[in-house]
Amino acid sequence: MNSFIEIEGMEFYAYHGHYKEERIVGNKFIVDIRLETNTEKAEQTDNIDDALNYQTVYELIKEQMQEKSYLLEHIAKRILDSIYEQFSDKIISTRLKVAKLNPPMGGQIQKVSVTLFR
């Protein structure tokens, strides 16, 4: 049976951005991920080894958020690459959204985000 695992509202303070100041001062980022997986075996066994371990997914995202990037697209790709490297046998599809809060764009903007699907 296919199901979705969603981890929403992961908040990170990181140093991503095109402008030098962004990479020095940093900013707040919000990450949401939706992973489609087959949960049938885990439903039967109640064993985490048979599941897509979302604690590990969080740790992979956290690790990638700590590495500086110029673009949100690059961060999102790195995150997906690391998750698929670890869980390629358990993932059917993903939707990942990375948002930068209060981006320095010369106006009052709540956030800008990039969403990748794989």
PDB file of N, CA and C in Angstrom:
ATOM      1  N   MET A   1       0.841  -1.174   0.000  1.00  0.00           N
ATOM      2  CA  MET A   1       0.000   0.000   0.000  1.00  0.00           C
ATOM      3  C   MET A   1       0.892   1.245   0.000  1.00  0.00           C
ATOM      4  N   ASN A   2       0.653   2.128  -0.941  1.00  0.00           N
ATOM      5  CA  ASN A   2       1.429   3.356  -0.993  1.00  0.00           C
ATOM      6  C   ASN A   2       0.838   4.398  -0.044  1.00  0.00           C
ATOM      7  N   SER A   3       1.730   5.088   0.634  1.00  0.00           N
ATOM      8  CA  SER A   3       1.348   6.116   1.598  1.00  0.00           C
ATOM      9  C   SER A   3       2.289   7.300   1.448  1.00  0.00           C
ATOM     10  N   PHE A   4       1.932   8.390   2.121  1.00  0.00           N
ATOM     11  CA  PHE A   4       2.781   9.568   2.148  1.00  0.00           C
ATOM     12  C   PHE A   4       3.287   9.799   3.554  1.00  0.00           C
ATOM     13  N   ILE A   5       4.579  10.063   3.663  1.00  0.00           N
ATOM     14  CA  ILE A   5       5.178  10.526   4.904  1.00  0.00           C
ATOM     15  C   ILE A   5       5.517  11.985   4.671  1.00  0.00           C
ATOM     16  N   GLU A   6       5.038  12.854   5.542  1.00  0.00           N
ATOM     17  CA  GLU A   6       5.294  14.276   5.386  1.00  0.00           C
ATOM     18  C   GLU A   6       5.982  14.813   6.639  1.00  0.00           C
ATOM     19  N   ILE A   7       7.039  15.551   6.414  1.00  0.00           N
ATOM     20  CA  ILE A   7       7.717  16.256   7.503  1.00  0.00           C
ATOM     21  C   ILE A   7       7.584  17.733   7.141  1.00  0.00           C
ATOM     22  N   GLU A   8       6.889  18.469   7.981  1.00  0.00           N
ATOM     23  CA  GLU A   8       6.535  19.837   7.636  1.00  0.00           C
ATOM     24  C   GLU A   8       7.100  20.831   8.649  1.00  0.00           C
ATOM     25  N   GLY A   9       7.471  21.988   8.135  1.00  0.00           N
ATOM     26  CA  GLY A   9       7.877  23.090   8.995  1.00  0.00           C
ATOM     27  C   GLY A   9       9.232  22.919   9.657  1.00  0.00           C
ATOM     28  N   MET A  10      10.135  22.186   9.013  1.00  0.00           N
ATOM     29  CA  MET A  10      11.490  22.080   9.568  1.00  0.00           C
ATOM     30  C   MET A  10      12.162  23.445   9.427  1.00  0.00           C
ATOM     31  N   GLU A  11      12.627  23.977  10.516  1.00  0.00           N
ATOM     32  CA  GLU A  11      13.197  25.323  10.516  1.00  0.00           C
ATOM     33  C   GLU A  11      14.702  25.259  10.738  1.00  0.00           C
ATOM     34  N   PHE A  12      15.411  25.986   9.893  1.00  0.00           N
ATOM     35  CA  PHE A  12      16.871  26.016   9.976  1.00  0.00           C
ATOM     36  C   PHE A  12      17.358  27.454   9.847  1.00  0.00           C
ATOM     37  N   TYR A  13      18.400  27.777  10.548  1.00  0.00           N
ATOM     38  CA  TYR A  13      19.099  29.040  10.324  1.00  0.00           C
ATOM     39  C   TYR A  13      20.340  28.660   9.528  1.00  0.00           C
ATOM     40  N   ALA A  14      20.470  29.240   8.340  1.00  0.00           N
ATOM     41  CA  ALA A  14      21.552  28.833   7.451  1.00  0.00           C
ATOM     42  C   ALA A  14      22.086  30.040   6.690  1.00  0.00           C
ATOM     43  N   TYR A  15      23.116  29.809   5.926  1.00  0.00           N
ATOM     44  CA  TYR A  15      23.869  30.886   5.270  1.00  0.00           C
ATOM     45  C   TYR A  15      23.872  30.726   3.753  1.00  0.00           C
ATOM     46  N   HIS A  16      22.669  30.573   3.183  1.00  0.00           N
ATOM     47  CA  HIS A  16      22.512  30.419   1.746  1.00  0.00           C
ATOM     48  C   HIS A  16      22.131  31.757   1.126  1.00  0.00           C
ATOM     49  N   GLY A  17      22.589  31.982  -0.092  1.00  0.00           N
ATOM     50  CA  GLY A  17      22.147  33.170  -0.805  1.00  0.00           C
ATOM     51  C   GLY A  17      23.134  33.605  -1.860  1.00  0.00           C
ATOM     52  N   HIS A  18      22.616  34.361  -2.795  1.00  0.00           N
ATOM     53  CA  HIS A  18      23.437  34.882  -3.886  1.00  0.00           C
ATOM     54  C   HIS A  18      24.363  35.999  -3.399  1.00  0.00           C
ATOM     55  N   TYR A  19      23.870  36.814  -2.482  1.00  0.00           N
ATOM     56  CA  TYR A  19      24.640  37.971  -2.024  1.00  0.00           C
ATOM     57  C   TYR A  19      25.561  37.607  -0.867  1.00  0.00           C
ATOM     58  N   LYS A  20      26.739  38.194  -0.881  1.00  0.00           N
ATOM     59  CA  LYS A  20      27.759  37.926   0.142  1.00  0.00           C
ATOM     60  C   LYS A  20      27.198  38.113   1.553  1.00  0.00           C
ATOM     61  N   GLU A  21      26.412  39.170   1.732  1.00  0.00           N
ATOM     62  CA  GLU A  21      25.855  39.461   3.054  1.00  0.00           C
ATOM     63  C   GLU A  21      24.982  38.318   3.563  1.00  0.00           C
ATOM     64  N   GLU A  22      24.239  37.692   2.652  1.00  0.00           N
ATOM     65  CA  GLU A  22      23.377  36.571   3.044  1.00  0.00           C
ATOM     66  C   GLU A  22      24.206  35.402   3.563  1.00  0.00           C
ATOM     67  N   ARG A  23      25.359  35.199   2.963  1.00  0.00           N
ATOM     68  CA  ARG A  23      26.215  34.084   3.368  1.00  0.00           C
ATOM     69  C   ARG A  23      26.992  34.402   4.642  1.00  0.00           C
ATOM     70  N   ILE A  24      26.981  35.667   5.061  1.00  0.00           N
ATOM     71  CA  ILE A  24      27.648  36.056   6.309  1.00  0.00           C
ATOM     72  C   ILE A  24      26.635  36.151   7.453  1.00  0.00           C
ATOM     73  N   VAL A  25      25.539  36.868   7.211  1.00  0.00           N
ATOM     74  CA  VAL A  25      24.538  37.118   8.249  1.00  0.00           C
ATOM     75  C   VAL A  25      23.613  35.919   8.444  1.00  0.00           C
ATOM     76  N   GLY A  26      23.261  35.247   7.349  1.00  0.00           N
ATOM     77  CA  GLY A  26      22.364  34.096   7.425  1.00  0.00           C
ATOM     78  C   GLY A  26      20.908  34.505   7.403  1.00  0.00           C
ATOM     79  N   ASN A  27      20.049  33.493   7.408  1.00  0.00           N
ATOM     80  CA  ASN A  27      18.621  33.723   7.331  1.00  0.00           C
ATOM     81  C   ASN A  27      17.898  32.472   7.826  1.00  0.00           C
ATOM     82  N   LYS A  28      16.614  32.607   8.032  1.00  0.00           N
ATOM     83  CA  LYS A  28      15.781  31.490   8.452  1.00  0.00           C
ATOM     84  C   LYS A  28      15.177  30.822   7.219  1.00  0.00           C
ATOM     85  N   PHE A  29      15.184  29.498   7.202  1.00  0.00           N
ATOM     86  CA  PHE A  29      14.651  28.694   6.112  1.00  0.00           C
ATOM     87  C   PHE A  29      13.653  27.686   6.673  1.00  0.00           C
ATOM     88  N   ILE A  30      12.634  27.401   5.881  1.00  0.00           N
ATOM     89  CA  ILE A  30      11.646  26.387   6.235  1.00  0.00           C
ATOM     90  C   ILE A  30      11.666  25.318   5.142  1.00  0.00           C
ATOM     91  N   VAL A  31      11.708  24.058   5.556  1.00  0.00           N
ATOM     92  CA  VAL A  31      11.739  22.940   4.611  1.00  0.00           C
ATOM     93  C   VAL A  31      10.561  22.019   4.900  1.00  0.00           C
ATOM     94  N   ASP A  32       9.854  21.653   3.827  1.00  0.00           N
ATOM     95  CA  ASP A  32       8.766  20.671   3.893  1.00  0.00           C
ATOM     96  C   ASP A  32       9.066  19.576   2.882  1.00  0.00           C
ATOM     97  N   ILE A  33       8.810  18.340   3.276  1.00  0.00           N
ATOM     98  CA  ILE A  33       9.011  17.232   2.340  1.00  0.00           C
ATOM     99  C   ILE A  33       7.840  16.269   2.429  1.00  0.00           C
ATOM    100  N   ARG A  34       7.482  15.750   1.279  1.00  0.00           N
ATOM    101  CA  ARG A  34       6.451  14.707   1.179  1.00  0.00           C
ATOM    102  C   ARG A  34       7.066  13.550   0.416  1.00  0.00           C
ATOM    103  N   LEU A  35       7.086  12.391   1.053  1.00  0.00           N
ATOM    104  CA  LEU A  35       7.695  11.195   0.482  1.00  0.00           C
ATOM    105  C   LEU A  35       6.620  10.141   0.269  1.00  0.00           C
ATOM    106  N   GLU A  36       6.510   9.668  -0.959  1.00  0.00           N
ATOM    107  CA  GLU A  36       5.596   8.565  -1.243  1.00  0.00           C
ATOM    108  C   GLU A  36       6.379   7.270  -1.113  1.00  0.00           C
ATOM    109  N   THR A  37       5.839   6.345  -0.345  1.00  0.00           N
ATOM    110  CA  THR A  37       6.528   5.092  -0.073  1.00  0.00           C
ATOM    111  C   THR A  37       5.502   3.974   0.101  1.00  0.00           C
ATOM    112  N   ASN A  38       5.962   2.763   0.010  1.00  0.00           N
ATOM    113  CA  ASN A  38       5.111   1.618   0.270  1.00  0.00           C
ATOM    114  C   ASN A  38       5.287   1.246   1.739  1.00  0.00           C
ATOM    115  N   THR A  39       4.224   1.340   2.506  1.00  0.00           N
ATOM    116  CA  THR A  39       4.298   1.092   3.949  1.00  0.00           C
ATOM    117  C   THR A  39       3.796  -0.294   4.355  1.00  0.00           C
ATOM    118  N   GLU A  40       3.455  -1.111   3.389  1.00  0.00           N
ATOM    119  CA  GLU A  40       2.819  -2.392   3.689  1.00  0.00           C
ATOM    120  C   GLU A  40       3.658  -3.275   4.620  1.00  0.00           C
ATOM    121  N   LYS A  41       4.949  -3.410   4.311  1.00  0.00           N
ATOM    122  CA  LYS A  41       5.788  -4.284   5.142  1.00  0.00           C
ATOM    123  C   LYS A  41       5.913  -3.742   6.566  1.00  0.00           C
ATOM    124  N   ALA A  42       6.145  -2.432   6.707  1.00  0.00           N
ATOM    125  CA  ALA A  42       6.259  -1.829   8.040  1.00  0.00           C
ATOM    126  C   ALA A  42       4.951  -1.944   8.820  1.00  0.00           C
ATOM    127  N   GLU A  43       3.836  -1.852   8.103  1.00  0.00           N
ATOM    128  CA  GLU A  43       2.533  -2.002   8.759  1.00  0.00           C
ATOM    129  C   GLU A  43       2.400  -3.384   9.389  1.00  0.00           C
ATOM    130  N   GLN A  44       2.962  -4.393   8.727  1.00  0.00           N
ATOM    131  CA  GLN A  44       2.851  -5.769   9.214  1.00  0.00           C
ATOM    132  C   GLN A  44       3.863  -6.085  10.315  1.00  0.00           C
ATOM    133  N   THR A  45       5.116  -5.620  10.115  1.00  0.00           N
ATOM    134  CA  THR A  45       6.195  -6.027  11.018  1.00  0.00           C
ATOM    135  C   THR A  45       6.384  -5.113  12.219  1.00  0.00           C
ATOM    136  N   ASP A  46       5.945  -3.849  12.110  1.00  0.00           N
ATOM    137  CA  ASP A  46       6.170  -2.863  13.167  1.00  0.00           C
ATOM    138  C   ASP A  46       7.665  -2.689  13.445  1.00  0.00           C
ATOM    139  N   ASN A  47       8.477  -2.828  12.387  1.00  0.00           N
ATOM    140  CA  ASN A  47       9.933  -2.757  12.497  1.00  0.00           C
ATOM    141  C   ASN A  47      10.433  -1.567  11.681  1.00  0.00           C
ATOM    142  N   ILE A  48      11.194  -0.709  12.318  1.00  0.00           N
ATOM    143  CA  ILE A  48      11.672   0.499  11.641  1.00  0.00           C
ATOM    144  C   ILE A  48      12.579   0.190  10.450  1.00  0.00           C
ATOM    145  N   ASP A  49      13.227  -0.958  10.459  1.00  0.00           N
ATOM    146  CA  ASP A  49      14.073  -1.341   9.326  1.00  0.00           C
ATOM    147  C   ASP A  49      13.262  -1.568   8.050  1.00  0.00           C
ATOM    148  N   ASP A  50      11.961  -1.792   8.206  1.00  0.00           N
ATOM    149  CA  ASP A  50      11.082  -2.004   7.061  1.00  0.00           C
ATOM    150  C   ASP A  50      10.381  -0.718   6.627  1.00  0.00           C
ATOM    151  N   ALA A  51      10.685   0.375   7.320  1.00  0.00           N
ATOM    152  CA  ALA A  51      10.037   1.654   7.039  1.00  0.00           C
ATOM    153  C   ALA A  51      11.040   2.642   6.457  1.00  0.00           C
ATOM    154  N   LEU A  52      10.512   3.704   5.897  1.00  0.00           N
ATOM    155  CA  LEU A  52      11.339   4.832   5.490  1.00  0.00           C
ATOM    156  C   LEU A  52      11.511   5.677   6.754  1.00  0.00           C
ATOM    157  N   ASN A  53      12.683   5.634   7.339  1.00  0.00           N
ATOM    158  CA  ASN A  53      12.936   6.247   8.642  1.00  0.00           C
ATOM    159  C   ASN A  53      12.976   7.766   8.513  1.00  0.00           C
ATOM    160  N   TYR A  54      11.938   8.421   8.970  1.00  0.00           N
ATOM    161  CA  TYR A  54      11.869   9.873   8.798  1.00  0.00           C
ATOM    162  C   TYR A  54      12.808  10.625   9.728  1.00  0.00           C
ATOM    163  N   GLN A  55      13.290  10.007  10.786  1.00  0.00           N
ATOM    164  CA  GLN A  55      14.338  10.642  11.598  1.00  0.00           C
ATOM    165  C   GLN A  55      15.624  10.767  10.779  1.00  0.00           C
ATOM    166  N   THR A  56      15.947   9.722  10.033  1.00  0.00           N
ATOM    167  CA  THR A  56      17.117   9.762   9.158  1.00  0.00           C
ATOM    168  C   THR A  56      16.928  10.790   8.054  1.00  0.00           C
ATOM    169  N   VAL A  57      15.722  10.870   7.500  1.00  0.00           N
ATOM    170  CA  VAL A  57      15.432  11.877   6.471  1.00  0.00           C
ATOM    171  C   VAL A  57      15.686  13.269   7.031  1.00  0.00           C
ATOM    172  N   TYR A  58      15.202  13.534   8.236  1.00  0.00           N
ATOM    173  CA  TYR A  58      15.433  14.835   8.868  1.00  0.00           C
ATOM    174  C   TYR A  58      16.926  15.115   9.026  1.00  0.00           C
ATOM    175  N   GLU A  59      17.678  14.135   9.479  1.00  0.00           N
ATOM    176  CA  GLU A  59      19.125  14.324   9.681  1.00  0.00           C
ATOM    177  C   GLU A  59      19.833  14.623   8.357  1.00  0.00           C
ATOM    178  N   LEU A  60      19.421  13.976   7.283  1.00  0.00           N
ATOM    179  CA  LEU A  60      20.006  14.238   5.965  1.00  0.00           C
ATOM    180  C   LEU A  60      19.701  15.663   5.517  1.00  0.00           C
ATOM    181  N   ILE A  61      18.472  16.107   5.739  1.00  0.00           N
ATOM    182  CA  ILE A  61      18.098  17.481   5.385  1.00  0.00           C
ATOM    183  C   ILE A  61      18.897  18.473   6.214  1.00  0.00           C
ATOM    184  N   LYS A  62      18.988  18.236   7.498  1.00  0.00           N
ATOM    185  CA  LYS A  62      19.736  19.123   8.396  1.00  0.00           C
ATOM    186  C   LYS A  62      21.193  19.239   7.944  1.00  0.00           C
ATOM    187  N   GLU A  63      21.790  18.132   7.594  1.00  0.00           N
ATOM    188  CA  GLU A  63      23.185  18.115   7.142  1.00  0.00           C
ATOM    189  C   GLU A  63      23.361  18.961   5.874  1.00  0.00           C
ATOM    190  N   GLN A  64      22.452  18.814   4.923  1.00  0.00           N
ATOM    191  CA  GLN A  64      22.546  19.573   3.675  1.00  0.00           C
ATOM    192  C   GLN A  64      22.273  21.061   3.895  1.00  0.00           C
ATOM    193  N   MET A  65      21.403  21.390   4.836  1.00  0.00           N
ATOM    194  CA  MET A  65      21.107  22.796   5.112  1.00  0.00           C
ATOM    195  C   MET A  65      22.302  23.516   5.736  1.00  0.00           C
ATOM    196  N   GLN A  66      23.206  22.773   6.338  1.00  0.00           N
ATOM    197  CA  GLN A  66      24.385  23.383   6.956  1.00  0.00           C
ATOM    198  C   GLN A  66      25.470  23.724   5.940  1.00  0.00           C
ATOM    199  N   GLU A  67      25.393  23.165   4.740  1.00  0.00           N
ATOM    200  CA  GLU A  67      26.376  23.430   3.689  1.00  0.00           C
ATOM    201  C   GLU A  67      25.883  24.589   2.829  1.00  0.00           C
ATOM    202  N   LYS A  68      26.685  25.641   2.718  1.00  0.00           N
ATOM    203  CA  LYS A  68      26.285  26.859   1.998  1.00  0.00           C
ATOM    204  C   LYS A  68      26.044  26.615   0.517  1.00  0.00           C
ATOM    205  N   SER A  69      25.020  27.305   0.005  1.00  0.00           N
ATOM    206  CA  SER A  69      24.704  27.310  -1.426  1.00  0.00           C
ATOM    207  C   SER A  69      24.296  28.714  -1.823  1.00  0.00           C
ATOM    208  N   TYR A  70      24.451  29.033  -3.093  1.00  0.00           N
ATOM    209  CA  TYR A  70      23.998  30.311  -3.618  1.00  0.00           C
ATOM    210  C   TYR A  70      22.499  30.293  -3.918  1.00  0.00           C
ATOM    211  N   LEU A  71      21.972  29.138  -4.358  1.00  0.00           N
ATOM    212  CA  LEU A  71      20.593  29.066  -4.840  1.00  0.00           C
ATOM    213  C   LEU A  71      19.765  28.031  -4.091  1.00  0.00           C
ATOM    214  N   LEU A  72      18.490  28.344  -3.902  1.00  0.00           N
ATOM    215  CA  LEU A  72      17.570  27.388  -3.287  1.00  0.00           C
ATOM    216  C   LEU A  72      17.460  26.119  -4.123  1.00  0.00           C
ATOM    217  N   GLU A  73      17.517  26.269  -5.440  1.00  0.00           N
ATOM    218  CA  GLU A  73      17.438  25.109  -6.328  1.00  0.00           C
ATOM    219  C   GLU A  73      18.563  24.114  -6.040  1.00  0.00           C
ATOM    220  N   HIS A  74      19.748  24.656  -5.787  1.00  0.00           N
ATOM    221  CA  HIS A  74      20.912  23.810  -5.500  1.00  0.00           C
ATOM    222  C   HIS A  74      20.760  23.086  -4.165  1.00  0.00           C
ATOM    223  N   ILE A  75      20.288  23.804  -3.161  1.00  0.00           N
ATOM    224  CA  ILE A  75      20.051  23.190  -1.848  1.00  0.00           C
ATOM    225  C   ILE A  75      19.037  22.045  -1.992  1.00  0.00           C
ATOM    226  N   ALA A  76      17.937  22.331  -2.674  1.00  0.00           N
ATOM    227  CA  ALA A  76      16.873  21.329  -2.823  1.00  0.00           C
ATOM    228  C   ALA A  76      17.374  20.088  -3.548  1.00  0.00           C
ATOM    229  N   LYS A  77      18.148  20.270  -4.611  1.00  0.00           N
ATOM    230  CA  LYS A  77      18.699  19.128  -5.344  1.00  0.00           C
ATOM    231  C   LYS A  77      19.621  18.300  -4.457  1.00  0.00           C
ATOM    232  N   ARG A  78      20.488  18.978  -3.695  1.00  0.00           N
ATOM    233  CA  ARG A  78      21.400  18.248  -2.799  1.00  0.00           C
ATOM    234  C   ARG A  78      20.621  17.435  -1.766  1.00  0.00           C
ATOM    235  N   ILE A  79      19.572  18.034  -1.230  1.00  0.00           N
ATOM    236  CA  ILE A  79      18.752  17.322  -0.244  1.00  0.00           C
ATOM    237  C   ILE A  79      18.148  16.071  -0.876  1.00  0.00           C
ATOM    238  N   LEU A  80      17.525  16.222  -2.037  1.00  0.00           N
ATOM    239  CA  LEU A  80      16.915  15.059  -2.688  1.00  0.00           C
ATOM    240  C   LEU A  80      17.947  14.010  -3.055  1.00  0.00           C
ATOM    241  N   ASP A  81      19.085  14.438  -3.556  1.00  0.00           N
ATOM    242  CA  ASP A  81      20.144  13.474  -3.895  1.00  0.00           C
ATOM    243  C   ASP A  81      20.547  12.652  -2.675  1.00  0.00           C
ATOM    244  N   SER A  82      20.724  13.307  -1.527  1.00  0.00           N
ATOM    245  CA  SER A  82      21.163  12.582  -0.327  1.00  0.00           C
ATOM    246  C   SER A  82      20.085  11.624   0.173  1.00  0.00           C
ATOM    247  N   ILE A  83      18.827  12.031   0.084  1.00  0.00           N
ATOM    248  CA  ILE A  83      17.735  11.156   0.530  1.00  0.00           C
ATOM    249  C   ILE A  83      17.597   9.943  -0.394  1.00  0.00           C
ATOM    250  N   TYR A  84      17.674  10.177  -1.703  1.00  0.00           N
ATOM    251  CA  TYR A  84      17.569   9.056  -2.641  1.00  0.00           C
ATOM    252  C   TYR A  84      18.772   8.117  -2.531  1.00  0.00           C
ATOM    253  N   GLU A  85      19.925   8.668  -2.217  1.00  0.00           N
ATOM    254  CA  GLU A  85      21.107   7.824  -2.034  1.00  0.00           C
ATOM    255  C   GLU A  85      20.895   6.851  -0.875  1.00  0.00           C
ATOM    256  N   GLN A  86      20.257   7.319   0.171  1.00  0.00           N
ATOM    257  CA  GLN A  86      20.016   6.498   1.368  1.00  0.00           C
ATOM    258  C   GLN A  86      18.808   5.571   1.214  1.00  0.00           C
ATOM    259  N   PHE A  87      17.763   6.047   0.530  1.00  0.00           N
ATOM    260  CA  PHE A  87      16.485   5.327   0.534  1.00  0.00           C
ATOM    261  C   PHE A  87      15.932   5.031  -0.859  1.00  0.00           C
ATOM    262  N   SER A  88      16.778   4.871  -1.853  1.00  0.00           N
ATOM    263  CA  SER A  88      16.283   4.678  -3.226  1.00  0.00           C
ATOM    264  C   SER A  88      15.331   3.487  -3.345  1.00  0.00           C
ATOM    265  N   ASP A  89      15.510   2.483  -2.516  1.00  0.00           N
ATOM    266  CA  ASP A  89      14.660   1.298  -2.576  1.00  0.00           C
ATOM    267  C   ASP A  89      13.309   1.493  -1.885  1.00  0.00           C
ATOM    268  N   LYS A  90      13.143   2.599  -1.155  1.00  0.00           N
ATOM    269  CA  LYS A  90      11.905   2.801  -0.393  1.00  0.00           C
ATOM    270  C   LYS A  90      11.068   3.976  -0.896  1.00  0.00           C
ATOM    271  N   ILE A  91      11.622   4.798  -1.799  1.00  0.00           N
ATOM    272  CA  ILE A  91      10.920   6.002  -2.240  1.00  0.00           C
ATOM    273  C   ILE A  91      10.305   5.795  -3.621  1.00  0.00           C
ATOM    274  N   ILE A  92       9.040   6.162  -3.738  1.00  0.00           N
ATOM    275  CA  ILE A  92       8.344   6.129  -5.020  1.00  0.00           C
ATOM    276  C   ILE A  92       8.421   7.516  -5.669  1.00  0.00           C
ATOM    277  N   SER A  93       8.147   8.557  -4.880  1.00  0.00           N
ATOM    278  CA  SER A  93       8.239   9.932  -5.379  1.00  0.00           C
ATOM    279  C   SER A  93       8.425  10.886  -4.205  1.00  0.00           C
ATOM    280  N   THR A  94       8.851  12.112  -4.522  1.00  0.00           N
ATOM    281  CA  THR A  94       9.047  13.115  -3.481  1.00  0.00           C
ATOM    282  C   THR A  94       8.592  14.483  -3.970  1.00  0.00           C
ATOM    283  N   ARG A  95       8.231  15.309  -3.019  1.00  0.00           N
ATOM    284  CA  ARG A  95       8.008  16.735  -3.243  1.00  0.00           C
ATOM    285  C   ARG A  95       8.717  17.454  -2.108  1.00  0.00           C
ATOM    286  N   LEU A  96       9.664  18.315  -2.463  1.00  0.00           N
ATOM    287  CA  LEU A  96      10.462  19.023  -1.475  1.00  0.00           C
ATOM    288  C   LEU A  96      10.330  20.518  -1.706  1.00  0.00           C
ATOM    289  N   LYS A  97      10.029  21.256  -0.648  1.00  0.00           N
ATOM    290  CA  LYS A  97       9.912  22.714  -0.725  1.00  0.00           C
ATOM    291  C   LYS A  97      10.903  23.330   0.246  1.00  0.00           C
ATOM    292  N   VAL A  98      11.733  24.231  -0.271  1.00  0.00           N
ATOM    293  CA  VAL A  98      12.688  24.976   0.547  1.00  0.00           C
ATOM    294  C   VAL A  98      12.319  26.449   0.431  1.00  0.00           C
ATOM    295  N   ALA A  99      12.057  27.099   1.561  1.00  0.00           N
ATOM    296  CA  ALA A  99      11.648  28.500   1.573  1.00  0.00           C
ATOM    297  C   ALA A  99      12.629  29.335   2.390  1.00  0.00           C
ATOM    298  N   LYS A 100      12.952  30.511   1.864  1.00  0.00           N
ATOM    299  CA  LYS A 100      13.774  31.495   2.582  1.00  0.00           C
ATOM    300  C   LYS A 100      12.830  32.575   3.091  1.00  0.00           C
ATOM    301  N   LEU A 101      12.840  32.814   4.404  1.00  0.00           N
ATOM    302  CA  LEU A 101      11.976  33.824   4.986  1.00  0.00           C
ATOM    303  C   LEU A 101      12.603  35.209   4.850  1.00  0.00           C
ATOM    304  N   ASN A 102      11.759  36.192   4.649  1.00  0.00           N
ATOM    305  CA  ASN A 102      12.180  37.591   4.536  1.00  0.00           C
ATOM    306  C   ASN A 102      13.381  37.777   3.612  1.00  0.00           C
ATOM    307  N   PRO A 103      13.279  37.368   2.355  1.00  0.00           N
ATOM    308  CA  PRO A 103      14.416  37.488   1.446  1.00  0.00           C
ATOM    309  C   PRO A 103      14.742  38.964   1.159  1.00  0.00           C
ATOM    310  N   PRO A 104      16.022  39.278   1.024  1.00  0.00           N
ATOM    311  CA  PRO A 104      16.429  40.671   0.781  1.00  0.00           C
ATOM    312  C   PRO A 104      16.207  41.070  -0.679  1.00  0.00           C
ATOM    313  N   MET A 105      14.964  41.383  -1.013  1.00  0.00           N
ATOM    314  CA  MET A 105      14.622  41.688  -2.399  1.00  0.00           C
ATOM    315  C   MET A 105      14.158  43.129  -2.572  1.00  0.00           C
ATOM    316  N   GLY A 106      14.350  43.969  -1.566  1.00  0.00           N
ATOM    317  CA  GLY A 106      14.008  45.374  -1.683  1.00  0.00           C
ATOM    318  C   GLY A 106      12.550  45.695  -1.404  1.00  0.00           C
ATOM    319  N   GLY A 107      11.833  44.785  -0.810  1.00  0.00           N
ATOM    320  CA  GLY A 107      10.430  45.013  -0.476  1.00  0.00           C
ATOM    321  C   GLY A 107      10.015  44.094   0.655  1.00  0.00           C
ATOM    322  N   GLN A 108       8.779  44.238   1.106  1.00  0.00           N
ATOM    323  CA  GLN A 108       8.243  43.402   2.181  1.00  0.00           C
ATOM    324  C   GLN A 108       7.753  42.095   1.571  1.00  0.00           C
ATOM    325  N   ILE A 109       8.533  41.033   1.733  1.00  0.00           N
ATOM    326  CA  ILE A 109       8.200  39.724   1.183  1.00  0.00           C
ATOM    327  C   ILE A 109       8.321  38.701   2.300  1.00  0.00           C
ATOM    328  N   GLN A 110       7.266  37.954   2.534  1.00  0.00           N
ATOM    329  CA  GLN A 110       7.262  36.958   3.606  1.00  0.00           C
ATOM    330  C   GLN A 110       8.277  35.854   3.348  1.00  0.00           C
ATOM    331  N   LYS A 111       8.261  35.304   2.123  1.00  0.00           N
ATOM    332  CA  LYS A 111       9.185  34.220   1.804  1.00  0.00           C
ATOM    333  C   LYS A 111       9.230  33.997   0.308  1.00  0.00           C
ATOM    334  N   VAL A 112      10.293  33.348  -0.116  1.00  0.00           N
ATOM    335  CA  VAL A 112      10.420  32.872  -1.490  1.00  0.00           C
ATOM    336  C   VAL A 112      10.777  31.394  -1.378  1.00  0.00           C
ATOM    337  N   SER A 113      10.234  30.580  -2.281  1.00  0.00           N
ATOM    338  CA  SER A 113      10.490  29.147  -2.149  1.00  0.00           C
ATOM    339  C   SER A 113      10.684  28.493  -3.503  1.00  0.00           C
ATOM    340  N   VAL A 114      11.310  27.323  -3.435  1.00  0.00           N
ATOM    341  CA  VAL A 114      11.499  26.463  -4.595  1.00  0.00           C
ATOM    342  C   VAL A 114      10.951  25.098  -4.228  1.00  0.00           C
ATOM    343  N   THR A 115      10.189  24.495  -5.134  1.00  0.00           N
ATOM    344  CA  THR A 115       9.650  23.154  -4.923  1.00  0.00           C
ATOM    345  C   THR A 115      10.158  22.247  -6.035  1.00  0.00           C
ATOM    346  N   LEU A 116      10.786  21.144  -5.640  1.00  0.00           N
ATOM    347  CA  LEU A 116      11.242  20.149  -6.600  1.00  0.00           C
ATOM    348  C   LEU A 116      10.434  18.872  -6.430  1.00  0.00           C
ATOM    349  N   PHE A 117      10.160  18.220  -7.547  1.00  0.00           N
ATOM    350  CA  PHE A 117       9.468  16.927  -7.562  1.00  0.00           C
ATOM    351  C   PHE A 117      10.411  15.897  -8.166  1.00  0.00           C
ATOM    352  N   ARG A 118      10.395  14.736  -7.618  1.00  0.00           N
ATOM    353  CA  ARG A 118      11.182  13.647  -8.211  1.00  0.00           C
ATOM    354  C   ARG A 118      10.425  12.360  -8.017  1.00  0.00           C
TER     355      ARG A 118
END
